[in-house]
Each structure stands twice: as C-alpha cells, then as structure tokens.
Amino acid sequence: MSSRLAGKKALVTAAGQGIGRAVAEAFASEGAQVVATDINRDALAALARVPGIDARLLDVTDAAAISSLAADVGAVQVLFNGAGFVHAGSVLDCTEADWDFAFTLNVRSMYRLIHALLPAMLRHHEAGKGGASIINVASAA
C-alpha cells in the first residue's frame, strides 16, 4: 500500500462487516489511525485485532453516544458514514415505526456525526494541519 493516510485519523461507522469493515481495513492498511465503530460487539472483537484500528461500540442512533465519542476522539481527518438500513418490502409494508427507524439510522445519524465532528475538523484545517473529508454512503434501494 502507499501509506496515503499516514498520520491521519479516520472514523468509520458500521465497521463490523461489509463495506464499513472493508473501508476500515483499507484505511488502516493505508496508514490511518482508524476509529472503527459498530453496534455489533462481536463483529468489532475481530476488527480490534487489526493493526491501526481502535474498535469501539457505537449506536449511531444515540445522540449522546455520538457526542461522547466526538469529545473523546477529537479531530479526525476522515469521517466515513456507512451505517444504514433498508426496509424489506414496499412502502405499503413499511410501518411508521420502520420509517422512523430507517430515517434515524440512514439520515439523522449522518447529520449528528457531522455536527459533532465537523467543528474539530474545521479547527484542524484552520490551524494549517491539512484538510479533511466526509464520506456519506447511501443505498440505491
């Protein structure tokens, strides 16, 4: 690998499996210090053994947990919002509770993470320490 992310800190949500896990591992292999988060403690256990990865339990639907994590990790140079949920079936099969959950997980969590982490990202940039990236992943479904 090229070490393109050496010296940078990245926070990845939904890092326990799938795209989030692949991203966390790729960022770490490129030299980033990765804070890999997920709600699945068992999935994080294996990820915690990967060099460069700090695996942390996080429910991205919990505003207080997001605020606490942001205060703890400080400035990150990469935020990868990968947590998401797609309801099975049509809108006619989707209850209002299902819709609320999907919106909270797919949209509100991204807002909360950006809102919590962006101030430190901007201060880091304004101090001349380089730029930052926010990557939001969404499903075509």
N, C-alpha and C. Protein backbone atom coordinates (compact mmCIF):
# COMPACT_ATOMS: atom_id res chain seq x y z
N MET A 1 0.84 -1.18 0.00
CA MET A 1 0.00 0.00 0.00
C MET A 1 0.88 1.25 0.00
N SER A 2 0.26 2.38 -0.26
CA SER A 2 1.02 3.61 -0.47
C SER A 2 1.17 4.49 0.76
N SER A 3 0.52 4.17 1.85
CA SER A 3 0.56 4.99 3.06
C SER A 3 -0.03 6.38 2.84
N ARG A 4 -1.02 6.49 1.95
CA ARG A 4 -1.64 7.79 1.65
C ARG A 4 -2.31 8.42 2.85
N LEU A 5 -2.68 7.62 3.85
CA LEU A 5 -3.38 8.14 5.01
C LEU A 5 -2.50 8.16 6.27
N ALA A 6 -1.21 8.02 6.09
CA ALA A 6 -0.29 8.03 7.23
C ALA A 6 -0.43 9.35 7.99
N GLY A 7 -0.54 9.24 9.31
CA GLY A 7 -0.64 10.43 10.14
C GLY A 7 -2.05 10.99 10.23
N LYS A 8 -3.02 10.35 9.60
CA LYS A 8 -4.39 10.84 9.64
C LYS A 8 -5.24 9.92 10.52
N LYS A 9 -6.28 10.52 11.11
CA LYS A 9 -7.23 9.76 11.91
C LYS A 9 -8.54 9.70 11.16
N ALA A 10 -9.11 8.49 11.08
CA ALA A 10 -10.38 8.28 10.38
C ALA A 10 -11.38 7.63 11.33
N LEU A 11 -12.63 8.04 11.23
CA LEU A 11 -13.71 7.41 11.98
C LEU A 11 -14.64 6.76 10.97
N VAL A 12 -14.91 5.48 11.18
CA VAL A 12 -15.75 4.70 10.27
C VAL A 12 -16.92 4.13 11.06
N THR A 13 -18.15 4.37 10.58
CA THR A 13 -19.32 3.76 11.21
C THR A 13 -19.68 2.48 10.45
N ALA A 14 -20.40 1.60 11.13
CA ALA A 14 -20.81 0.30 10.56
C ALA A 14 -19.60 -0.49 10.09
N ALA A 15 -18.55 -0.46 10.91
CA ALA A 15 -17.28 -1.08 10.53
C ALA A 15 -17.22 -2.57 10.86
N GLY A 16 -18.25 -3.11 11.44
CA GLY A 16 -18.22 -4.51 11.84
C GLY A 16 -18.29 -5.50 10.71
N GLN A 17 -18.84 -5.09 9.58
CA GLN A 17 -19.00 -6.02 8.46
C GLN A 17 -19.17 -5.25 7.16
N GLY A 18 -19.16 -5.97 6.07
CA GLY A 18 -19.47 -5.40 4.75
C GLY A 18 -18.57 -4.25 4.34
N ILE A 19 -19.18 -3.24 3.74
CA ILE A 19 -18.44 -2.09 3.20
C ILE A 19 -17.70 -1.37 4.31
N GLY A 20 -18.34 -1.18 5.46
CA GLY A 20 -17.68 -0.48 6.57
C GLY A 20 -16.42 -1.17 7.03
N ARG A 21 -16.48 -2.48 7.12
CA ARG A 21 -15.29 -3.24 7.54
C ARG A 21 -14.19 -3.12 6.49
N ALA A 22 -14.55 -3.27 5.22
CA ALA A 22 -13.57 -3.16 4.15
C ALA A 22 -12.92 -1.77 4.15
N VAL A 23 -13.71 -0.75 4.38
CA VAL A 23 -13.17 0.61 4.43
C VAL A 23 -12.22 0.77 5.62
N ALA A 24 -12.64 0.31 6.80
CA ALA A 24 -11.78 0.42 7.99
C ALA A 24 -10.44 -0.28 7.76
N GLU A 25 -10.48 -1.48 7.21
CA GLU A 25 -9.25 -2.23 6.96
C GLU A 25 -8.40 -1.55 5.89
N ALA A 26 -9.03 -1.01 4.85
CA ALA A 26 -8.28 -0.32 3.79
C ALA A 26 -7.64 0.96 4.33
N PHE A 27 -8.38 1.72 5.12
CA PHE A 27 -7.81 2.94 5.70
C PHE A 27 -6.61 2.60 6.58
N ALA A 28 -6.75 1.56 7.41
CA ALA A 28 -5.64 1.15 8.28
C ALA A 28 -4.44 0.70 7.45
N SER A 29 -4.68 -0.03 6.37
CA SER A 29 -3.57 -0.51 5.53
C SER A 29 -2.88 0.65 4.81
N GLU A 30 -3.59 1.77 4.67
CA GLU A 30 -3.00 2.97 4.07
C GLU A 30 -2.35 3.87 5.12
N GLY A 31 -2.31 3.40 6.37
CA GLY A 31 -1.58 4.12 7.41
C GLY A 31 -2.41 4.96 8.35
N ALA A 32 -3.72 4.99 8.18
CA ALA A 32 -4.57 5.80 9.07
C ALA A 32 -4.69 5.17 10.44
N GLN A 33 -4.88 6.01 11.43
CA GLN A 33 -5.30 5.57 12.75
C GLN A 33 -6.82 5.54 12.66
N VAL A 34 -7.43 4.36 12.69
CA VAL A 34 -8.86 4.20 12.44
C VAL A 34 -9.62 3.95 13.73
N VAL A 35 -10.65 4.75 13.94
CA VAL A 35 -11.62 4.51 14.99
C VAL A 35 -12.79 3.83 14.29
N ALA A 36 -12.88 2.52 14.46
CA ALA A 36 -13.90 1.71 13.78
C ALA A 36 -15.05 1.48 14.74
N THR A 37 -16.25 1.92 14.36
CA THR A 37 -17.39 1.82 15.26
C THR A 37 -18.47 0.91 14.67
N ASP A 38 -19.22 0.30 15.57
CA ASP A 38 -20.35 -0.52 15.17
C ASP A 38 -21.18 -0.80 16.41
N ILE A 39 -22.40 -1.21 16.21
CA ILE A 39 -23.28 -1.60 17.30
C ILE A 39 -23.09 -3.07 17.68
N ASN A 40 -22.42 -3.82 16.81
CA ASN A 40 -22.22 -5.25 16.99
C ASN A 40 -20.88 -5.52 17.69
N ARG A 41 -20.95 -5.81 18.97
CA ARG A 41 -19.74 -6.04 19.78
C ARG A 41 -18.91 -7.22 19.25
N ASP A 42 -19.57 -8.29 18.84
CA ASP A 42 -18.85 -9.48 18.35
C ASP A 42 -18.09 -9.17 17.06
N ALA A 43 -18.70 -8.42 16.16
CA ALA A 43 -18.03 -8.07 14.90
C ALA A 43 -16.82 -7.17 15.17
N LEU A 44 -16.93 -6.32 16.17
CA LEU A 44 -15.81 -5.42 16.50
C LEU A 44 -14.64 -6.17 17.12
N ALA A 45 -14.92 -7.26 17.83
CA ALA A 45 -13.85 -8.00 18.51
C ALA A 45 -12.77 -8.46 17.53
N ALA A 46 -13.17 -8.99 16.39
CA ALA A 46 -12.20 -9.44 15.39
C ALA A 46 -11.49 -8.24 14.77
N LEU A 47 -12.21 -7.18 14.55
CA LEU A 47 -11.63 -5.98 13.92
C LEU A 47 -10.60 -5.32 14.83
N ALA A 48 -10.79 -5.43 16.14
CA ALA A 48 -9.88 -4.81 17.11
C ALA A 48 -8.47 -5.40 17.03
N ARG A 49 -8.33 -6.58 16.45
CA ARG A 49 -7.02 -7.21 16.33
C ARG A 49 -6.23 -6.71 15.11
N VAL A 50 -6.86 -5.90 14.28
CA VAL A 50 -6.18 -5.38 13.08
C VAL A 50 -5.31 -4.19 13.49
N PRO A 51 -4.02 -4.21 13.14
CA PRO A 51 -3.14 -3.10 13.49
C PRO A 51 -3.68 -1.77 12.93
N GLY A 52 -3.64 -0.74 13.77
CA GLY A 52 -4.08 0.58 13.36
C GLY A 52 -5.56 0.84 13.59
N ILE A 53 -6.28 -0.16 14.11
CA ILE A 53 -7.72 0.01 14.32
C ILE A 53 -8.04 -0.01 15.80
N ASP A 54 -8.77 1.03 16.22
CA ASP A 54 -9.31 1.14 17.57
C ASP A 54 -10.82 0.89 17.43
N ALA A 55 -11.26 -0.31 17.78
CA ALA A 55 -12.66 -0.70 17.61
C ALA A 55 -13.47 -0.24 18.82
N ARG A 56 -14.58 0.46 18.54
CA ARG A 56 -15.40 0.99 19.62
C ARG A 56 -16.88 0.74 19.35
N LEU A 57 -17.57 0.37 20.39
CA LEU A 57 -19.01 0.18 20.31
C LEU A 57 -19.68 1.55 20.16
N LEU A 58 -20.57 1.68 19.18
CA LEU A 58 -21.32 2.93 19.00
C LEU A 58 -22.65 2.64 18.34
N ASP A 59 -23.70 3.13 18.98
CA ASP A 59 -25.03 3.12 18.39
C ASP A 59 -25.22 4.49 17.76
N VAL A 60 -25.18 4.56 16.43
CA VAL A 60 -25.25 5.86 15.75
C VAL A 60 -26.62 6.51 15.84
N THR A 61 -27.60 5.80 16.42
CA THR A 61 -28.91 6.42 16.64
C THR A 61 -28.98 7.11 18.00
N ASP A 62 -27.92 7.03 18.78
CA ASP A 62 -27.86 7.59 20.13
C ASP A 62 -27.06 8.89 20.10
N ALA A 63 -27.75 10.02 20.16
CA ALA A 63 -27.11 11.33 20.06
C ALA A 63 -26.07 11.54 21.16
N ALA A 64 -26.39 11.11 22.38
CA ALA A 64 -25.44 11.29 23.49
C ALA A 64 -24.18 10.47 23.28
N ALA A 65 -24.32 9.26 22.75
CA ALA A 65 -23.15 8.41 22.48
C ALA A 65 -22.27 9.03 21.41
N ILE A 66 -22.88 9.63 20.40
CA ILE A 66 -22.12 10.31 19.35
C ILE A 66 -21.35 11.49 19.92
N SER A 67 -22.00 12.30 20.73
CA SER A 67 -21.34 13.46 21.36
C SER A 67 -20.17 13.01 22.22
N SER A 68 -20.37 11.97 22.99
CA SER A 68 -19.32 11.46 23.86
C SER A 68 -18.12 10.96 23.03
N LEU A 69 -18.41 10.22 21.97
CA LEU A 69 -17.33 9.72 21.11
C LEU A 69 -16.58 10.87 20.47
N ALA A 70 -17.29 11.87 19.97
CA ALA A 70 -16.65 13.01 19.33
C ALA A 70 -15.72 13.73 20.30
N ALA A 71 -16.16 13.91 21.53
CA ALA A 71 -15.33 14.56 22.54
C ALA A 71 -14.09 13.73 22.83
N ASP A 72 -14.23 12.42 22.80
CA ASP A 72 -13.13 11.52 23.12
C ASP A 72 -12.11 11.43 21.99
N VAL A 73 -12.55 11.34 20.74
CA VAL A 73 -11.61 11.13 19.63
C VAL A 73 -10.98 12.41 19.12
N GLY A 74 -11.62 13.56 19.34
CA GLY A 74 -11.07 14.82 18.85
C GLY A 74 -11.17 14.94 17.34
N ALA A 75 -10.21 15.64 16.77
CA ALA A 75 -10.25 15.91 15.33
C ALA A 75 -9.93 14.66 14.52
N VAL A 76 -10.76 14.40 13.53
CA VAL A 76 -10.49 13.35 12.56
C VAL A 76 -10.32 14.02 11.21
N GLN A 77 -9.57 13.38 10.36
CA GLN A 77 -9.38 13.92 9.01
C GLN A 77 -10.29 13.23 8.00
N VAL A 78 -10.85 12.09 8.39
CA VAL A 78 -11.79 11.38 7.53
C VAL A 78 -12.95 10.87 8.38
N LEU A 79 -14.16 11.21 7.96
CA LEU A 79 -15.37 10.65 8.56
C LEU A 79 -16.07 9.85 7.47
N PHE A 80 -16.24 8.56 7.73
CA PHE A 80 -16.93 7.68 6.79
C PHE A 80 -18.23 7.23 7.44
N ASN A 81 -19.35 7.78 6.99
CA ASN A 81 -20.67 7.41 7.48
C ASN A 81 -21.20 6.27 6.63
N GLY A 82 -21.14 5.06 7.18
CA GLY A 82 -21.57 3.89 6.42
C GLY A 82 -22.77 3.16 7.00
N ALA A 83 -23.23 3.58 8.18
CA ALA A 83 -24.36 2.88 8.80
C ALA A 83 -25.63 3.11 8.00
N GLY A 84 -26.40 2.05 7.82
CA GLY A 84 -27.64 2.20 7.07
C GLY A 84 -28.53 0.98 7.18
N PHE A 85 -29.76 1.16 6.76
CA PHE A 85 -30.79 0.13 6.85
C PHE A 85 -31.76 0.32 5.70
N VAL A 86 -32.14 -0.76 5.07
CA VAL A 86 -33.15 -0.73 4.02
C VAL A 86 -34.28 -1.65 4.44
N HIS A 87 -35.48 -1.12 4.52
CA HIS A 87 -36.65 -1.90 4.89
C HIS A 87 -36.99 -2.87 3.76
N ALA A 88 -37.30 -4.09 4.13
CA ALA A 88 -37.70 -5.08 3.12
C ALA A 88 -39.17 -4.86 2.76
N GLY A 89 -39.47 -4.88 1.49
CA GLY A 89 -40.84 -4.71 1.04
C GLY A 89 -41.09 -3.30 0.53
N SER A 90 -42.32 -3.06 0.15
CA SER A 90 -42.69 -1.75 -0.40
C SER A 90 -43.06 -0.78 0.72
N VAL A 91 -43.34 0.44 0.34
CA VAL A 91 -43.76 1.44 1.31
C VAL A 91 -45.07 1.02 1.98
N LEU A 92 -45.86 0.23 1.30
CA LEU A 92 -47.11 -0.24 1.89
C LEU A 92 -46.87 -1.26 3.01
N ASP A 93 -45.70 -1.90 2.98
CA ASP A 93 -45.33 -2.85 4.03
C ASP A 93 -44.59 -2.18 5.19
N CYS A 94 -44.25 -0.95 5.01
CA CYS A 94 -43.41 -0.23 5.97
C CYS A 94 -44.29 0.51 6.98
N THR A 95 -44.12 0.18 8.25
CA THR A 95 -44.87 0.88 9.29
C THR A 95 -44.23 2.24 9.54
N GLU A 96 -44.94 3.08 10.23
CA GLU A 96 -44.37 4.38 10.57
C GLU A 96 -43.15 4.22 11.48
N ALA A 97 -43.19 3.23 12.36
CA ALA A 97 -42.04 2.95 13.23
C ALA A 97 -40.83 2.50 12.40
N ASP A 98 -41.07 1.67 11.38
CA ASP A 98 -39.99 1.25 10.47
C ASP A 98 -39.40 2.46 9.74
N TRP A 99 -40.27 3.34 9.28
CA TRP A 99 -39.84 4.55 8.57
C TRP A 99 -39.01 5.44 9.48
N ASP A 100 -39.48 5.64 10.71
CA ASP A 100 -38.74 6.46 11.67
C ASP A 100 -37.36 5.88 11.94
N PHE A 101 -37.30 4.55 12.13
CA PHE A 101 -36.01 3.91 12.37
C PHE A 101 -35.07 4.10 11.18
N ALA A 102 -35.57 3.85 9.97
CA ALA A 102 -34.74 3.99 8.77
C ALA A 102 -34.24 5.42 8.61
N PHE A 103 -35.11 6.39 8.84
CA PHE A 103 -34.70 7.80 8.70
C PHE A 103 -33.64 8.15 9.75
N THR A 104 -33.88 7.70 10.98
CA THR A 104 -32.93 7.98 12.06
C THR A 104 -31.57 7.36 11.76
N LEU A 105 -31.56 6.11 11.33
CA LEU A 105 -30.28 5.44 11.06
C LEU A 105 -29.63 5.96 9.78
N ASN A 106 -30.39 6.12 8.72
CA ASN A 106 -29.82 6.47 7.42
C ASN A 106 -29.49 7.94 7.25
N VAL A 107 -30.25 8.82 7.90
CA VAL A 107 -30.07 10.25 7.66
C VAL A 107 -29.66 11.00 8.94
N ARG A 108 -30.45 10.86 9.97
CA ARG A 108 -30.18 11.63 11.19
C ARG A 108 -28.82 11.28 11.79
N SER A 109 -28.40 10.02 11.71
CA SER A 109 -27.10 9.66 12.27
C SER A 109 -25.97 10.37 11.53
N MET A 110 -26.09 10.51 10.21
CA MET A 110 -25.07 11.24 9.44
C MET A 110 -25.00 12.69 9.89
N TYR A 111 -26.18 13.32 10.01
CA TYR A 111 -26.23 14.70 10.48
C TYR A 111 -25.55 14.82 11.85
N ARG A 112 -25.92 13.93 12.77
CA ARG A 112 -25.37 14.01 14.14
C ARG A 112 -23.86 13.82 14.15
N LEU A 113 -23.36 12.88 13.38
CA LEU A 113 -21.91 12.66 13.34
C LEU A 113 -21.19 13.86 12.72
N ILE A 114 -21.71 14.37 11.63
CA ILE A 114 -21.10 15.55 11.01
C ILE A 114 -21.15 16.73 11.97
N HIS A 115 -22.30 16.94 12.57
CA HIS A 115 -22.48 18.07 13.50
C HIS A 115 -21.51 17.95 14.68
N ALA A 116 -21.29 16.75 15.17
CA ALA A 116 -20.41 16.55 16.31
C ALA A 116 -18.92 16.64 15.96
N LEU A 117 -18.55 16.18 14.77
CA LEU A 117 -17.13 16.10 14.40
C LEU A 117 -16.62 17.27 13.56
N LEU A 118 -17.49 17.94 12.84
CA LEU A 118 -17.05 18.99 11.93
C LEU A 118 -16.34 20.16 12.63
N PRO A 119 -16.78 20.62 13.78
CA PRO A 119 -16.05 21.74 14.40
C PRO A 119 -14.56 21.45 14.62
N ALA A 120 -14.24 20.27 15.13
CA ALA A 120 -12.83 19.92 15.33
C ALA A 120 -12.10 19.75 14.00
N MET A 121 -12.82 19.23 13.00
CA MET A 121 -12.22 19.09 11.67
C MET A 121 -11.86 20.46 11.10
N LEU A 122 -12.76 21.42 11.27
CA LEU A 122 -12.50 22.78 10.77
C LEU A 122 -11.37 23.45 11.52
N ARG A 123 -11.33 23.30 12.84
CA ARG A 123 -10.23 23.89 13.63
C ARG A 123 -8.90 23.29 13.19
N HIS A 124 -8.87 22.00 12.95
CA HIS A 124 -7.66 21.33 12.48
C HIS A 124 -7.20 21.93 11.15
N HIS A 125 -8.14 22.13 10.26
CA HIS A 125 -7.83 22.71 8.94
C HIS A 125 -7.37 24.16 9.08
N GLU A 126 -8.09 24.95 9.88
CA GLU A 126 -7.75 26.36 10.06
C GLU A 126 -6.40 26.55 10.73
N ALA A 127 -5.95 25.56 11.49
CA ALA A 127 -4.64 25.61 12.12
C ALA A 127 -3.53 25.23 11.14
N GLY A 128 -3.90 25.02 9.88
CA GLY A 128 -2.91 24.69 8.86
C GLY A 128 -2.42 23.26 8.90
N LYS A 129 -3.22 22.37 9.48
CA LYS A 129 -2.80 20.98 9.62
C LYS A 129 -3.38 20.08 8.54
N GLY A 130 -3.89 20.67 7.47
CA GLY A 130 -4.41 19.88 6.37
C GLY A 130 -5.91 19.82 6.33
N GLY A 131 -6.41 19.27 5.25
CA GLY A 131 -7.86 19.18 5.02
C GLY A 131 -8.47 17.94 5.62
N ALA A 132 -9.73 17.78 5.33
CA ALA A 132 -10.48 16.64 5.84
C ALA A 132 -11.53 16.25 4.82
N SER A 133 -12.03 15.03 4.98
CA SER A 133 -13.06 14.53 4.07
C SER A 133 -14.18 13.90 4.86
N ILE A 134 -15.41 14.12 4.37
CA ILE A 134 -16.59 13.46 4.92
C ILE A 134 -17.16 12.64 3.78
N ILE A 135 -17.33 11.34 4.03
CA ILE A 135 -17.83 10.43 3.01
C ILE A 135 -19.13 9.83 3.56
N ASN A 136 -20.25 10.11 2.89
CA ASN A 136 -21.54 9.57 3.27
C ASN A 136 -21.96 8.53 2.24
N VAL A 137 -22.23 7.32 2.71
CA VAL A 137 -22.63 6.24 1.82
C VAL A 137 -24.13 6.05 1.94
N ALA A 138 -24.78 5.90 0.80
CA ALA A 138 -26.21 5.65 0.77
C ALA A 138 -26.49 4.52 -0.21
N SER A 139 -27.64 3.92 -0.04
CA SER A 139 -28.03 2.81 -0.90
C SER A 139 -28.96 3.28 -2.00
N ALA A 140 -28.86 2.67 -3.15
CA ALA A 140 -29.80 2.95 -4.23
C ALA A 140 -31.18 2.44 -3.90
N ALA A 141 -31.26 1.48 -2.96
CA ALA A 141 -32.55 0.94 -2.55
C ALA A 141 -33.31 1.98 -1.77
